[in-house]
PDB file of N, CA and C in Angstrom:
ATOM      1  N   UNK A   1       0.580  -0.725  -0.132  1.00  0.00           N
ATOM      2  CA  UNK A   1      -0.113  -0.173   0.508  1.00  0.00           C
ATOM      3  C   UNK A   1       1.074   0.939   0.013  1.00  0.00           C
ATOM      4  N   UNK A   2       0.619   2.282  -0.531  1.00  0.00           N
ATOM      5  CA  UNK A   2       0.868   3.595  -0.802  1.00  0.00           C
ATOM      6  C   UNK A   2       0.687   4.761  -0.011  1.00  0.00           C
ATOM      7  N   UNK A   3       2.280   4.962   0.628  1.00  0.00           N
ATOM      8  CA  UNK A   3       1.786   5.750   1.280  1.00  0.00           C
ATOM      9  C   UNK A   3       1.106   7.214   1.779  1.00  0.00           C
ATOM     10  N   UNK A   4      -0.097   7.362   3.018  1.00  0.00           N
ATOM     11  CA  UNK A   4      -1.070   8.358   2.657  1.00  0.00           C
ATOM     12  C   UNK A   4       0.154  10.224   2.677  1.00  0.00           C
ATOM     13  N   UNK A   5      -0.382  10.824   2.068  1.00  0.00           N
ATOM     14  CA  UNK A   5      -0.137  12.120   1.958  1.00  0.00           C
ATOM     15  C   UNK A   5      -1.377  13.104   2.325  1.00  0.00           C
ATOM     16  N   UNK A   6      -0.444  13.823   2.814  1.00  0.00           N
ATOM     17  CA  UNK A   6      -1.103  14.753   3.643  1.00  0.00           C
ATOM     18  C   UNK A   6      -2.209  15.867   3.164  1.00  0.00           C
ATOM     19  N   UNK A   7      -2.993  16.379   2.874  1.00  0.00           N
ATOM     20  CA  UNK A   7      -4.799  16.756   2.068  1.00  0.00           C
ATOM     21  C   UNK A   7      -4.980  18.606   3.208  1.00  0.00           C
ATOM     22  N   UNK A   8      -4.599  19.236   2.486  1.00  0.00           N
ATOM     23  CA  UNK A   8      -5.042  20.500   2.788  1.00  0.00           C
ATOM     24  C   UNK A   8      -5.362  21.983   2.321  1.00  0.00           C
ATOM     25  N   UNK A   9      -7.264  21.755   1.969  1.00  0.00           N
ATOM     26  CA  UNK A   9      -8.538  22.023   1.831  1.00  0.00           C
ATOM     27  C   UNK A   9      -7.968  23.514   2.015  1.00  0.00           C
ATOM     28  N   UNK A  10      -8.345  24.297   1.115  1.00  0.00           N
ATOM     29  CA  UNK A  10      -7.945  25.970   1.335  1.00  0.00           C
ATOM     30  C   UNK A  10      -9.354  26.579   0.921  1.00  0.00           C
ATOM     31  N   UNK A  11     -10.021  27.121   1.070  1.00  0.00           N
ATOM     32  CA  UNK A  11     -11.707  27.623   1.096  1.00  0.00           C
ATOM     33  C   UNK A  11     -11.521  29.044   1.515  1.00  0.00           C
ATOM     34  N   UNK A  12     -11.376  29.734   0.852  1.00  0.00           N
ATOM     35  CA  UNK A  12     -11.463  31.568   0.315  1.00  0.00           C
ATOM     36  C   UNK A  12     -12.696  31.700   0.072  1.00  0.00           C
ATOM     37  N   UNK A  13     -14.009  31.281  -0.028  1.00  0.00           N
ATOM     38  CA  UNK A  13     -15.263  32.016  -0.127  1.00  0.00           C
ATOM     39  C   UNK A  13     -16.180  32.152   0.305  1.00  0.00           C
ATOM     40  N   UNK A  14     -17.820  32.807   0.359  1.00  0.00           N
ATOM     41  CA  UNK A  14     -18.330  32.743   1.173  1.00  0.00           C
ATOM     42  C   UNK A  14     -19.475  31.515   0.309  1.00  0.00           C
ATOM     43  N   UNK A  15     -20.176  30.850   1.771  1.00  0.00           N
ATOM     44  CA  UNK A  15     -20.830  29.848   1.956  1.00  0.00           C
ATOM     45  C   UNK A  15     -21.826  29.489   0.748  1.00  0.00           C
ATOM     46  N   UNK A  16     -22.061  30.649   0.553  1.00  0.00           N
ATOM     47  CA  UNK A  16     -23.250  30.870  -0.621  1.00  0.00           C
ATOM     48  C   UNK A  16     -22.979  31.238  -1.520  1.00  0.00           C
ATOM     49  N   UNK A  17     -23.710  31.218  -3.070  1.00  0.00           N
ATOM     50  CA  UNK A  17     -23.763  31.735  -4.089  1.00  0.00           C
ATOM     51  C   UNK A  17     -22.793  31.135  -5.131  1.00  0.00           C
ATOM     52  N   UNK A  18     -21.808  30.645  -4.826  1.00  0.00           N
ATOM     53  CA  UNK A  18     -21.771  29.688  -5.805  1.00  0.00           C
ATOM     54  C   UNK A  18     -20.918  28.285  -4.813  1.00  0.00           C
ATOM     55  N   UNK A  19     -20.673  27.199  -6.108  1.00  0.00           N
ATOM     56  CA  UNK A  19     -20.581  25.870  -5.644  1.00  0.00           C
ATOM     57  C   UNK A  19     -18.890  25.683  -4.244  1.00  0.00           C
ATOM     58  N   UNK A  20     -17.979  27.042  -4.679  1.00  0.00           N
ATOM     59  CA  UNK A  20     -16.806  26.188  -3.977  1.00  0.00           C
ATOM     60  C   UNK A  20     -17.044  26.408  -2.789  1.00  0.00           C
ATOM     61  N   UNK A  21     -17.521  27.016  -2.141  1.00  0.00           N
ATOM     62  CA  UNK A  21     -17.892  25.953  -0.610  1.00  0.00           C
ATOM     63  C   UNK A  21     -18.048  24.837  -0.293  1.00  0.00           C
ATOM     64  N   UNK A  22     -19.654  24.373  -0.589  1.00  0.00           N
ATOM     65  CA  UNK A  22     -19.588  23.513  -0.477  1.00  0.00           C
ATOM     66  C   UNK A  22     -18.860  22.184  -1.458  1.00  0.00           C
ATOM     67  N   UNK A  23     -17.968  22.949  -2.724  1.00  0.00           N
ATOM     68  CA  UNK A  23     -17.036  21.977  -3.373  1.00  0.00           C
ATOM     69  C   UNK A  23     -15.636  21.385  -2.437  1.00  0.00           C
ATOM     70  N   UNK A  24     -16.044  22.063  -1.739  1.00  0.00           N
ATOM     71  CA  UNK A  24     -14.286  22.454  -0.825  1.00  0.00           C
ATOM     72  C   UNK A  24     -14.658  21.376   0.076  1.00  0.00           C
ATOM     73  N   UNK A  25     -15.769  21.269   1.134  1.00  0.00           N
ATOM     74  CA  UNK A  25     -16.491  20.652   1.802  1.00  0.00           C
ATOM     75  C   UNK A  25     -16.332  18.692   1.353  1.00  0.00           C
ATOM     76  N   UNK A  26     -17.225  18.697   0.810  1.00  0.00           N
ATOM     77  CA  UNK A  26     -16.504  17.929  -0.712  1.00  0.00           C
ATOM     78  C   UNK A  26     -15.842  17.226  -0.783  1.00  0.00           C
ATOM     79  N   UNK A  27     -14.977  17.787  -1.373  1.00  0.00           N
ATOM     80  CA  UNK A  27     -13.114  16.874  -1.305  1.00  0.00           C
ATOM     81  C   UNK A  27     -12.686  16.698  -0.503  1.00  0.00           C
ATOM     82  N   UNK A  28     -12.333  17.245   0.668  1.00  0.00           N
ATOM     83  CA  UNK A  28     -12.333  17.176   2.037  1.00  0.00           C
ATOM     84  C   UNK A  28     -13.620  15.692   2.789  1.00  0.00           C
ATOM     85  N   UNK A  29     -13.933  15.254   2.477  1.00  0.00           N
ATOM     86  CA  UNK A  29     -14.557  14.667   3.231  1.00  0.00           C
ATOM     87  C   UNK A  29     -14.571  13.431   2.298  1.00  0.00           C
ATOM     88  N   UNK A  30     -13.941  13.257   1.036  1.00  0.00           N
ATOM     89  CA  UNK A  30     -14.097  11.826   0.334  1.00  0.00           C
ATOM     90  C   UNK A  30     -12.716  11.730  -0.558  1.00  0.00           C
ATOM     91  N   UNK A  31     -11.768  12.402   0.659  1.00  0.00           N
ATOM     92  CA  UNK A  31     -10.428  12.259   1.143  1.00  0.00           C
ATOM     93  C   UNK A  31     -10.592  12.106   2.095  1.00  0.00           C
ATOM     94  N   UNK A  32     -10.994  12.163   3.151  1.00  0.00           N
ATOM     95  CA  UNK A  32     -10.778  11.020   4.928  1.00  0.00           C
ATOM     96  C   UNK A  32     -11.460  10.485   4.192  1.00  0.00           C
ATOM     97  N   UNK A  33     -12.243   9.967   3.670  1.00  0.00           N
ATOM     98  CA  UNK A  33     -13.145   8.467   3.125  1.00  0.00           C
ATOM     99  C   UNK A  33     -11.585   7.855   2.491  1.00  0.00           C
ATOM    100  N   UNK A  34     -10.786   8.456   1.833  1.00  0.00           N
ATOM    101  CA  UNK A  34      -9.789   6.510   1.546  1.00  0.00           C
ATOM    102  C   UNK A  34      -8.894   6.994   2.728  1.00  0.00           C
ATOM    103  N   UNK A  35      -9.063   7.682   4.113  1.00  0.00           N
ATOM    104  CA  UNK A  35      -8.613   7.294   4.891  1.00  0.00           C
ATOM    105  C   UNK A  35      -6.347   8.463   4.825  1.00  0.00           C
ATOM    106  N   UNK A  36      -7.006   9.336   4.112  1.00  0.00           N
ATOM    107  CA  UNK A  36      -5.693  10.329   3.842  1.00  0.00           C
ATOM    108  C   UNK A  36      -5.965  10.911   5.004  1.00  0.00           C
ATOM    109  N   UNK A  37      -4.896  12.025   5.736  1.00  0.00           N
ATOM    110  CA  UNK A  37      -4.952  12.579   6.713  1.00  0.00           C
ATOM    111  C   UNK A  37      -5.670  14.479   5.982  1.00  0.00           C
ATOM    112  N   UNK A  38      -6.344  15.753   6.136  1.00  0.00           N
ATOM    113  CA  UNK A  38      -7.054  16.301   6.440  1.00  0.00           C
ATOM    114  C   UNK A  38      -7.039  17.837   6.550  1.00  0.00           C
ATOM    115  N   UNK A  39      -6.915  18.587   6.851  1.00  0.00           N
ATOM    116  CA  UNK A  39      -7.154  19.620   7.016  1.00  0.00           C
ATOM    117  C   UNK A  39      -7.503  20.818   6.317  1.00  0.00           C
ATOM    118  N   UNK A  40      -8.050  22.181   6.465  1.00  0.00           N
ATOM    119  CA  UNK A  40      -9.567  22.864   6.568  1.00  0.00           C
ATOM    120  C   UNK A  40      -8.505  23.882   6.940  1.00  0.00           C
ATOM    121  N   UNK A  41      -8.339  25.280   5.776  1.00  0.00           N
ATOM    122  CA  UNK A  41      -8.346  25.945   6.284  1.00  0.00           C
ATOM    123  C   UNK A  41      -9.222  27.378   5.823  1.00  0.00           C
ATOM    124  N   UNK A  42      -9.755  27.962   6.667  1.00  0.00           N
ATOM    125  CA  UNK A  42     -10.453  28.794   6.184  1.00  0.00           C
ATOM    126  C   UNK A  42     -10.253  30.075   5.264  1.00  0.00           C
ATOM    127  N   UNK A  43     -10.257  30.539   4.299  1.00  0.00           N
ATOM    128  CA  UNK A  43      -9.270  32.255   4.986  1.00  0.00           C
ATOM    129  C   UNK A  43     -10.179  32.434   4.452  1.00  0.00           C
ATOM    130  N   UNK A  44      -9.976  34.836   4.153  1.00  0.00           N
ATOM    131  CA  UNK A  44     -10.596  35.820   3.695  1.00  0.00           C
ATOM    132  C   UNK A  44     -12.855  35.364   3.711  1.00  0.00           C
ATOM    133  N   UNK A  45     -12.232  35.503   2.596  1.00  0.00           N
ATOM    134  CA  UNK A  45     -15.093  35.162   2.959  1.00  0.00           C
ATOM    135  C   UNK A  45     -14.890  33.836   3.507  1.00  0.00           C
ATOM    136  N   UNK A  46     -13.667  33.504   3.230  1.00  0.00           N
ATOM    137  CA  UNK A  46     -14.762  32.107   3.548  1.00  0.00           C
ATOM    138  C   UNK A  46     -15.277  30.725   4.868  1.00  0.00           C
ATOM    139  N   UNK A  47     -14.607  32.283   6.017  1.00  0.00           N
ATOM    140  CA  UNK A  47     -14.254  31.976   7.172  1.00  0.00           C
ATOM    141  C   UNK A  47     -16.467  32.385   7.989  1.00  0.00           C
ATOM    142  N   UNK A  48     -16.133  32.721   6.331  1.00  0.00           N
ATOM    143  CA  UNK A  48     -19.124  32.819   6.559  1.00  0.00           C
ATOM    144  C   UNK A  48     -19.115  31.601   6.929  1.00  0.00           C
ATOM    145  N   UNK A  49     -18.331  30.447   5.766  1.00  0.00           N
ATOM    146  CA  UNK A  49     -19.075  29.738   6.283  1.00  0.00           C
ATOM    147  C   UNK A  49     -19.239  28.986   7.962  1.00  0.00           C
ATOM    148  N   UNK A  50     -18.001  29.721   9.220  1.00  0.00           N
ATOM    149  CA  UNK A  50     -18.847  28.357  10.043  1.00  0.00           C
ATOM    150  C   UNK A  50     -19.019  29.277  11.048  1.00  0.00           C
ATOM    151  N   UNK A  51     -19.509  30.174  11.055  1.00  0.00           N
ATOM    152  CA  UNK A  51     -20.550  30.967  11.241  1.00  0.00           C
ATOM    153  C   UNK A  51     -21.818  30.334  11.725  1.00  0.00           C
ATOM    154  N   UNK A  52     -21.986  30.867  12.554  1.00  0.00           N
ATOM    155  CA  UNK A  52     -23.074  29.806  12.903  1.00  0.00           C
ATOM    156  C   UNK A  52     -24.220  30.673  13.401  1.00  0.00           C
ATOM    157  N   UNK A  53     -25.874  30.369  13.037  1.00  0.00           N
ATOM    158  CA  UNK A  53     -27.214  30.801  12.708  1.00  0.00           C
ATOM    159  C   UNK A  53     -27.023  30.950  11.448  1.00  0.00           C
ATOM    160  N   UNK A  54     -26.676  30.453  10.234  1.00  0.00           N
ATOM    161  CA  UNK A  54     -26.571  30.497   9.179  1.00  0.00           C
ATOM    162  C   UNK A  54     -28.496  30.704   8.426  1.00  0.00           C
ATOM    163  N   UNK A  55     -28.656  31.428   7.105  1.00  0.00           N
ATOM    164  CA  UNK A  55     -30.741  30.699   7.146  1.00  0.00           C
ATOM    165  C   UNK A  55     -30.235  31.121   5.171  1.00  0.00           C
ATOM    166  N   UNK A  56     -30.040  29.972   4.459  1.00  0.00           N
ATOM    167  CA  UNK A  56     -29.622  30.179   3.221  1.00  0.00           C
ATOM    168  C   UNK A  56     -30.797  30.166   2.854  1.00  0.00           C
ATOM    169  N   UNK A  57     -32.368  29.881   3.295  1.00  0.00           N
ATOM    170  CA  UNK A  57     -32.804  29.945   2.732  1.00  0.00           C
ATOM    171  C   UNK A  57     -34.132  30.821   1.343  1.00  0.00           C
ATOM    172  N   UNK A  58     -33.524  32.067   2.053  1.00  0.00           N
ATOM    173  CA  UNK A  58     -33.700  32.570   1.277  1.00  0.00           C
ATOM    174  C   UNK A  58     -33.396  33.324   0.133  1.00  0.00           C
ATOM    175  N   UNK A  59     -31.506  32.801  -0.618  1.00  0.00           N
ATOM    176  CA  UNK A  59     -30.395  31.892  -1.493  1.00  0.00           C
ATOM    177  C   UNK A  59     -31.123  31.043  -2.191  1.00  0.00           C
ATOM    178  N   UNK A  60     -31.594  30.411  -1.336  1.00  0.00           N
ATOM    179  CA  UNK A  60     -32.042  28.818  -2.310  1.00  0.00           C
ATOM    180  C   UNK A  60     -30.657  27.683  -2.051  1.00  0.00           C
ATOM    181  N   UNK A  61     -30.187  28.187  -1.444  1.00  0.00           N
ATOM    182  CA  UNK A  61     -28.993  26.533  -1.094  1.00  0.00           C
ATOM    183  C   UNK A  61     -29.096  26.121  -0.209  1.00  0.00           C
ATOM    184  N   UNK A  62     -28.688  24.876   0.505  1.00  0.00           N
ATOM    185  CA  UNK A  62     -28.277  24.542   1.550  1.00  0.00           C
ATOM    186  C   UNK A  62     -27.712  24.932   2.473  1.00  0.00           C
ATOM    187  N   UNK A  63     -28.036  24.998   3.819  1.00  0.00           N
ATOM    188  CA  UNK A  63     -26.854  24.804   4.742  1.00  0.00           C
ATOM    189  C   UNK A  63     -25.975  24.475   4.296  1.00  0.00           C
ATOM    190  N   UNK A  64     -25.382  24.907   4.492  1.00  0.00           N
ATOM    191  CA  UNK A  64     -23.375  23.460   4.997  1.00  0.00           C
ATOM    192  C   UNK A  64     -23.931  23.308   6.465  1.00  0.00           C
ATOM    193  N   UNK A  65     -24.049  23.936   7.479  1.00  0.00           N
ATOM    194  CA  UNK A  65     -23.731  23.689   9.209  1.00  0.00           C
ATOM    195  C   UNK A  65     -23.766  22.024   9.479  1.00  0.00           C
ATOM    196  N   UNK A  66     -24.737  21.393   8.083  1.00  0.00           N
ATOM    197  CA  UNK A  66     -24.801  19.719   8.765  1.00  0.00           C
ATOM    198  C   UNK A  66     -23.602  19.157   7.928  1.00  0.00           C
ATOM    199  N   UNK A  67     -23.432  19.961   6.756  1.00  0.00           N
ATOM    200  CA  UNK A  67     -21.901  19.068   6.258  1.00  0.00           C
ATOM    201  C   UNK A  67     -20.689  19.410   7.336  1.00  0.00           C
ATOM    202  N   UNK A  68     -20.394  21.191   7.408  1.00  0.00           N
ATOM    203  CA  UNK A  68     -19.472  20.744   9.244  1.00  0.00           C
ATOM    204  C   UNK A  68     -19.934  20.698  10.156  1.00  0.00           C
ATOM    205  N   UNK A  69     -20.661  20.454  10.332  1.00  0.00           N
ATOM    206  CA  UNK A  69     -20.627  19.585  11.963  1.00  0.00           C
ATOM    207  C   UNK A  69     -20.332  17.833  11.611  1.00  0.00           C
ATOM    208  N   UNK A  70     -20.096  17.490  10.036  1.00  0.00           N
ATOM    209  CA  UNK A  70     -19.527  16.173  10.573  1.00  0.00           C
ATOM    210  C   UNK A  70     -18.562  15.392   9.798  1.00  0.00           C
ATOM    211  N   UNK A  71     -16.964  17.003   9.795  1.00  0.00           N
ATOM    212  CA  UNK A  71     -15.874  16.621  10.102  1.00  0.00           C
ATOM    213  C   UNK A  71     -15.962  15.834  10.302  1.00  0.00           C
ATOM    214  N   UNK A  72     -15.844  16.643  12.491  1.00  0.00           N
ATOM    215  CA  UNK A  72     -14.966  14.955  13.244  1.00  0.00           C
ATOM    216  C   UNK A  72     -16.006  13.669  13.229  1.00  0.00           C
ATOM    217  N   UNK A  73     -17.123  13.099  12.182  1.00  0.00           N
ATOM    218  CA  UNK A  73     -17.095  12.408  11.919  1.00  0.00           C
ATOM    219  C   UNK A  73     -16.385  11.263  11.122  1.00  0.00           C
ATOM    220  N   UNK A  74     -15.717  13.104  10.475  1.00  0.00           N
ATOM    221  CA  UNK A  74     -14.740  11.669   8.636  1.00  0.00           C
ATOM    222  C   UNK A  74     -13.167  11.972  10.056  1.00  0.00           C
ATOM    223  N   UNK A  75     -13.850  12.441  10.591  1.00  0.00           N
ATOM    224  CA  UNK A  75     -12.041  13.038  11.369  1.00  0.00           C
ATOM    225  C   UNK A  75     -11.238  13.889  10.891  1.00  0.00           C
ATOM    226  N   UNK A  76     -11.887  14.779  10.903  1.00  0.00           N
ATOM    227  CA  UNK A  76     -11.252  16.480  10.032  1.00  0.00           C
ATOM    228  C   UNK A  76     -11.681  17.227  11.079  1.00  0.00           C
ATOM    229  N   UNK A  77     -10.623  16.874  12.832  1.00  0.00           N
ATOM    230  CA  UNK A  77     -10.080  18.624  12.954  1.00  0.00           C
ATOM    231  C   UNK A  77      -9.781  19.211  13.281  1.00  0.00           C
ATOM    232  N   UNK A  78      -8.686  18.520  12.276  1.00  0.00           N
ATOM    233  CA  UNK A  78      -7.398  19.643  11.781  1.00  0.00           C
ATOM    234  C   UNK A  78      -7.972  21.278  10.985  1.00  0.00           C
ATOM    235  N   UNK A  79      -8.531  21.497  11.636  1.00  0.00           N
ATOM    236  CA  UNK A  79      -8.969  22.877  11.043  1.00  0.00           C
ATOM    237  C   UNK A  79      -8.704  24.189  11.539  1.00  0.00           C
ATOM    238  N   UNK A  80      -8.413  25.871  10.925  1.00  0.00           N
ATOM    239  CA  UNK A  80      -7.562  26.464  10.864  1.00  0.00           C
ATOM    240  C   UNK A  80      -8.425  27.785  10.738  1.00  0.00           C
ATOM    241  N   UNK A  81      -8.266  28.496  11.114  1.00  0.00           N
ATOM    242  CA  UNK A  81      -9.062  29.759  10.180  1.00  0.00           C
ATOM    243  C   UNK A  81      -7.790  31.086  10.131  1.00  0.00           C
ATOM    244  N   UNK A  82      -8.118  31.730   9.671  1.00  0.00           N
ATOM    245  CA  UNK A  82      -6.919  33.286   9.400  1.00  0.00           C
ATOM    246  C   UNK A  82      -7.085  34.187   9.770  1.00  0.00           C
ATOM    247  N   UNK A  83      -6.943  34.599  11.036  1.00  0.00           N
ATOM    248  CA  UNK A  83      -7.000  35.646  11.659  1.00  0.00           C
ATOM    249  C   UNK A  83      -6.717  36.792  11.396  1.00  0.00           C
ATOM    250  N   UNK A  84      -6.122  37.291  10.284  1.00  0.00           N
ATOM    251  CA  UNK A  84      -6.367  38.497   9.031  1.00  0.00           C
ATOM    252  C   UNK A  84      -7.817  39.014   9.054  1.00  0.00           C
ATOM    253  N   UNK A  85      -8.278  37.735   8.520  1.00  0.00           N
ATOM    254  CA  UNK A  85     -10.041  37.667   7.631  1.00  0.00           C
ATOM    255  C   UNK A  85     -10.691  38.084   9.073  1.00  0.00           C
ATOM    256  N   UNK A  86     -10.647  37.140   9.515  1.00  0.00           N
ATOM    257  CA  UNK A  86     -11.200  37.085  10.774  1.00  0.00           C
ATOM    258  C   UNK A  86     -10.958  38.415  11.020  1.00  0.00           C
ATOM    259  N   UNK A  87     -10.308  39.135  12.088  1.00  0.00           N
ATOM    260  CA  UNK A  87      -9.443  40.889  12.181  1.00  0.00           C
ATOM    261  C   UNK A  87     -11.350  41.896  11.120  1.00  0.00           C
ATOM    262  N   UNK A  88     -10.122  41.579   9.495  1.00  0.00           N
ATOM    263  CA  UNK A  88     -11.360  42.135   9.201  1.00  0.00           C
ATOM    264  C   UNK A  88     -13.060  42.137   8.727  1.00  0.00           C
ATOM    265  N   UNK A  89     -13.098  41.343   9.443  1.00  0.00           N
ATOM    266  CA  UNK A  89     -14.630  41.067   9.359  1.00  0.00           C
ATOM    267  C   UNK A  89     -15.159  40.840  10.732  1.00  0.00           C
ATOM    268  N   UNK A  90     -14.757  41.379  11.596  1.00  0.00           N
ATOM    269  CA  UNK A  90     -14.956  41.724  13.143  1.00  0.00           C
ATOM    270  C   UNK A  90     -15.324  40.995  13.557  1.00  0.00           C
ATOM    271  N   UNK A  91     -14.755  38.978  13.286  1.00  0.00           N
ATOM    272  CA  UNK A  91     -15.033  37.963  13.810  1.00  0.00           C
ATOM    273  C   UNK A  91     -14.095  37.504  14.962  1.00  0.00           C
ATOM    274  N   UNK A  92     -14.791  36.591  15.348  1.00  0.00           N
ATOM    275  CA  UNK A  92     -14.038  36.162  16.718  1.00  0.00           C
ATOM    276  C   UNK A  92     -14.251  35.016  17.367  1.00  0.00           C
ATOM    277  N   UNK A  93     -13.840  34.272  17.965  1.00  0.00           N
ATOM    278  CA  UNK A  93     -13.438  32.210  18.160  1.00  0.00           C
ATOM    279  C   UNK A  93     -15.809  32.697  18.178  1.00  0.00           C
ATOM    280  N   UNK A  94     -15.917  33.200  19.258  1.00  0.00           N
ATOM    281  CA  UNK A  94     -17.231  32.632  20.390  1.00  0.00           C
ATOM    282  C   UNK A  94     -18.206  32.354  18.415  1.00  0.00           C
ATOM    283  N   UNK A  95     -17.845  33.169  17.818  1.00  0.00           N
ATOM    284  CA  UNK A  95     -19.159  33.271  16.490  1.00  0.00           C
ATOM    285  C   UNK A  95     -19.177  31.715  15.318  1.00  0.00           C
ATOM    286  N   UNK A  96     -18.074  31.197  15.766  1.00  0.00           N
ATOM    287  CA  UNK A  96     -17.769  30.162  14.591  1.00  0.00           C
ATOM    288  C   UNK A  96     -18.711  28.991  15.141  1.00  0.00           C
ATOM    289  N   UNK A  97     -19.216  27.725  14.182  1.00  0.00           N
ATOM    290  CA  UNK A  97     -20.142  26.220  15.241  1.00  0.00           C
ATOM    291  C   UNK A  97     -19.488  26.039  15.187  1.00  0.00           C
ATOM    292  N   UNK A  98     -17.193  26.071  15.257  1.00  0.00           N
ATOM    293  CA  UNK A  98     -16.708  24.872  15.329  1.00  0.00           C
ATOM    294  C   UNK A  98     -15.409  25.172  15.986  1.00  0.00           C
ATOM    295  N   UNK A  99     -14.521  24.679  16.583  1.00  0.00           N
ATOM    296  CA  UNK A  99     -13.163  24.363  16.855  1.00  0.00           C
ATOM    297  C   UNK A  99     -12.667  25.097  16.056  1.00  0.00           C
ATOM    298  N   UNK A 100     -11.728  25.864  15.953  1.00  0.00           N
ATOM    299  CA  UNK A 100     -11.054  25.878  14.904  1.00  0.00           C
ATOM    300  C   UNK A 100     -10.156  26.135  15.794  1.00  0.00           C
ATOM    301  N   UNK A 101      -8.293  26.921  15.123  1.00  0.00           N
ATOM    302  CA  UNK A 101      -6.847  26.819  15.830  1.00  0.00           C
ATOM    303  C   UNK A 101      -6.924  28.813  14.857  1.00  0.00           C
ATOM    304  N   UNK A 102      -6.847  29.371  15.308  1.00  0.00           N
ATOM    305  CA  UNK A 102      -6.891  30.526  14.863  1.00  0.00           C
ATOM    306  C   UNK A 102      -4.752  31.607  14.144  1.00  0.00           C
ATOM    307  N   UNK A 103      -4.311  31.175  12.452  1.00  0.00           N
ATOM    308  CA  UNK A 103      -3.884  31.176  12.108  1.00  0.00           C
ATOM    309  C   UNK A 103      -3.056  32.490  11.734  1.00  0.00           C
ATOM    310  N   UNK A 104      -2.135  32.866  12.244  1.00  0.00           N
ATOM    311  CA  UNK A 104      -1.901  34.742  11.363  1.00  0.00           C
ATOM    312  C   UNK A 104      -0.802  34.220   9.916  1.00  0.00           C
ATOM    313  N   UNK A 105      -0.204  34.967   9.455  1.00  0.00           N
ATOM    314  CA  UNK A 105       0.252  34.929   7.994  1.00  0.00           C
ATOM    315  C   UNK A 105       1.584  33.951   8.428  1.00  0.00           C
ATOM    316  N   UNK A 106       2.602  34.236   9.253  1.00  0.00           N
ATOM    317  CA  UNK A 106       3.266  33.450   9.435  1.00  0.00           C
ATOM    318  C   UNK A 106       3.110  31.632   9.413  1.00  0.00           C
ATOM    319  N   UNK A 107       1.952  31.290  10.751  1.00  0.00           N
ATOM    320  CA  UNK A 107       1.218  29.844  10.614  1.00  0.00           C
ATOM    321  C   UNK A 107       1.160  29.926  10.036  1.00  0.00           C
ATOM    322  N   UNK A 108       0.324  30.489   8.520  1.00  0.00           N
ATOM    323  CA  UNK A 108      -0.166  30.254   7.297  1.00  0.00           C
ATOM    324  C   UNK A 108       0.746  29.407   6.432  1.00  0.00           C
ATOM    325  N   UNK A 109       2.124  30.018   6.328  1.00  0.00           N
ATOM    326  CA  UNK A 109       2.321  29.487   4.898  1.00  0.00           C
ATOM    327  C   UNK A 109       3.331  28.190   5.387  1.00  0.00           C
ATOM    328  N   UNK A 110       3.343  27.950   6.877  1.00  0.00           N
ATOM    329  CA  UNK A 110       4.061  27.010   7.692  1.00  0.00           C
ATOM    330  C   UNK A 110       3.245  25.548   7.407  1.00  0.00           C
ATOM    331  N   UNK A 111       1.046  25.455   7.722  1.00  0.00           N
ATOM    332  CA  UNK A 111       0.751  24.940   6.755  1.00  0.00           C
ATOM    333  C   UNK A 111       0.442  24.418   5.860  1.00  0.00           C
ATOM    334  N   UNK A 112       0.686  25.096   4.863  1.00  0.00           N
ATOM    335  CA  UNK A 112       0.901  24.834   3.723  1.00  0.00           C
ATOM    336  C   UNK A 112       2.584  24.187   3.693  1.00  0.00           C
ATOM    337  N   UNK A 113       3.889  24.373   3.939  1.00  0.00           N
ATOM    338  CA  UNK A 113       4.523  23.744   3.618  1.00  0.00           C
ATOM    339  C   UNK A 113       4.739  22.325   3.921  1.00  0.00           C
ATOM    340  N   UNK A 114       3.855  21.982   5.231  1.00  0.00           N
ATOM    341  CA  UNK A 114       3.941  20.907   5.692  1.00  0.00           C
ATOM    342  C   UNK A 114       3.030  19.984   4.198  1.00  0.00           C
ATOM    343  N   UNK A 115       2.059  20.041   4.086  1.00  0.00           N
ATOM    344  CA  UNK A 115       0.953  19.668   3.639  1.00  0.00           C
ATOM    345  C   UNK A 115       1.401  19.388   1.803  1.00  0.00           C
ATOM    346  N   UNK A 116       1.606  18.370   1.901  1.00  0.00           N
ATOM    347  CA  UNK A 116       2.101  17.642   0.215  1.00  0.00           C
ATOM    348  C   UNK A 116       1.260  17.998  -0.947  1.00  0.00           C
ATOM    349  N   UNK A 117       0.480  17.992  -0.506  1.00  0.00           N
ATOM    350  CA  UNK A 117      -1.202  18.880  -1.082  1.00  0.00           C
ATOM    351  C   UNK A 117      -2.145  19.857  -0.567  1.00  0.00           C
ATOM    352  N   UNK A 118      -1.915  20.930  -1.189  1.00  0.00           N
ATOM    353  CA  UNK A 118      -3.548  21.622  -1.216  1.00  0.00           C
ATOM    354  C   UNK A 118      -3.500  22.209  -1.673  1.00  0.00           C
ATOM    355  N   UNK A 119      -5.276  22.586  -2.035  1.00  0.00           N
ATOM    356  CA  UNK A 119      -6.435  22.478  -2.683  1.00  0.00           C
ATOM    357  C   UNK A 119      -7.061  23.739  -2.166  1.00  0.00           C
ATOM    358  N   UNK A 120      -7.476  24.293  -3.251  1.00  0.00           N
ATOM    359  CA  UNK A 120      -8.164  25.483  -3.434  1.00  0.00           C
ATOM    360  C   UNK A 120      -8.913  25.876  -3.632  1.00  0.00           C
ATOM    361  N   UNK A 121      -9.991  25.935  -2.824  1.00  0.00           N
ATOM    362  CA  UNK A 121     -11.350  26.846  -3.962  1.00  0.00           C
ATOM    363  C   UNK A 121     -11.890  27.863  -3.245  1.00  0.00           C
TER     364      UNK A 121
END
């Protein structure tokens, strides 16, 4: 059997208005099913995916909360968020539905360097 590779999914898009956020989460879940280590980094407007109390019915899209809540069941518990993106949007960890590690730019650079495969959405 081949050695597993570590995957980092970077999600930069808002939760609704396109399929990018859902595609990022689906990719993470699919990768984890094949027992590959997966981490997710939320940057830019991607931090909005983590907000509690989302009501996307008005834009006729499914709520991402169910998918986000499934991440721990797939052993995806390495979740990171960009400190700068959070600050620019006036958010803090109390606003989020899942526990995340907040990283500064240097931490993000190290995170990217330490993964074999990096996918941007």
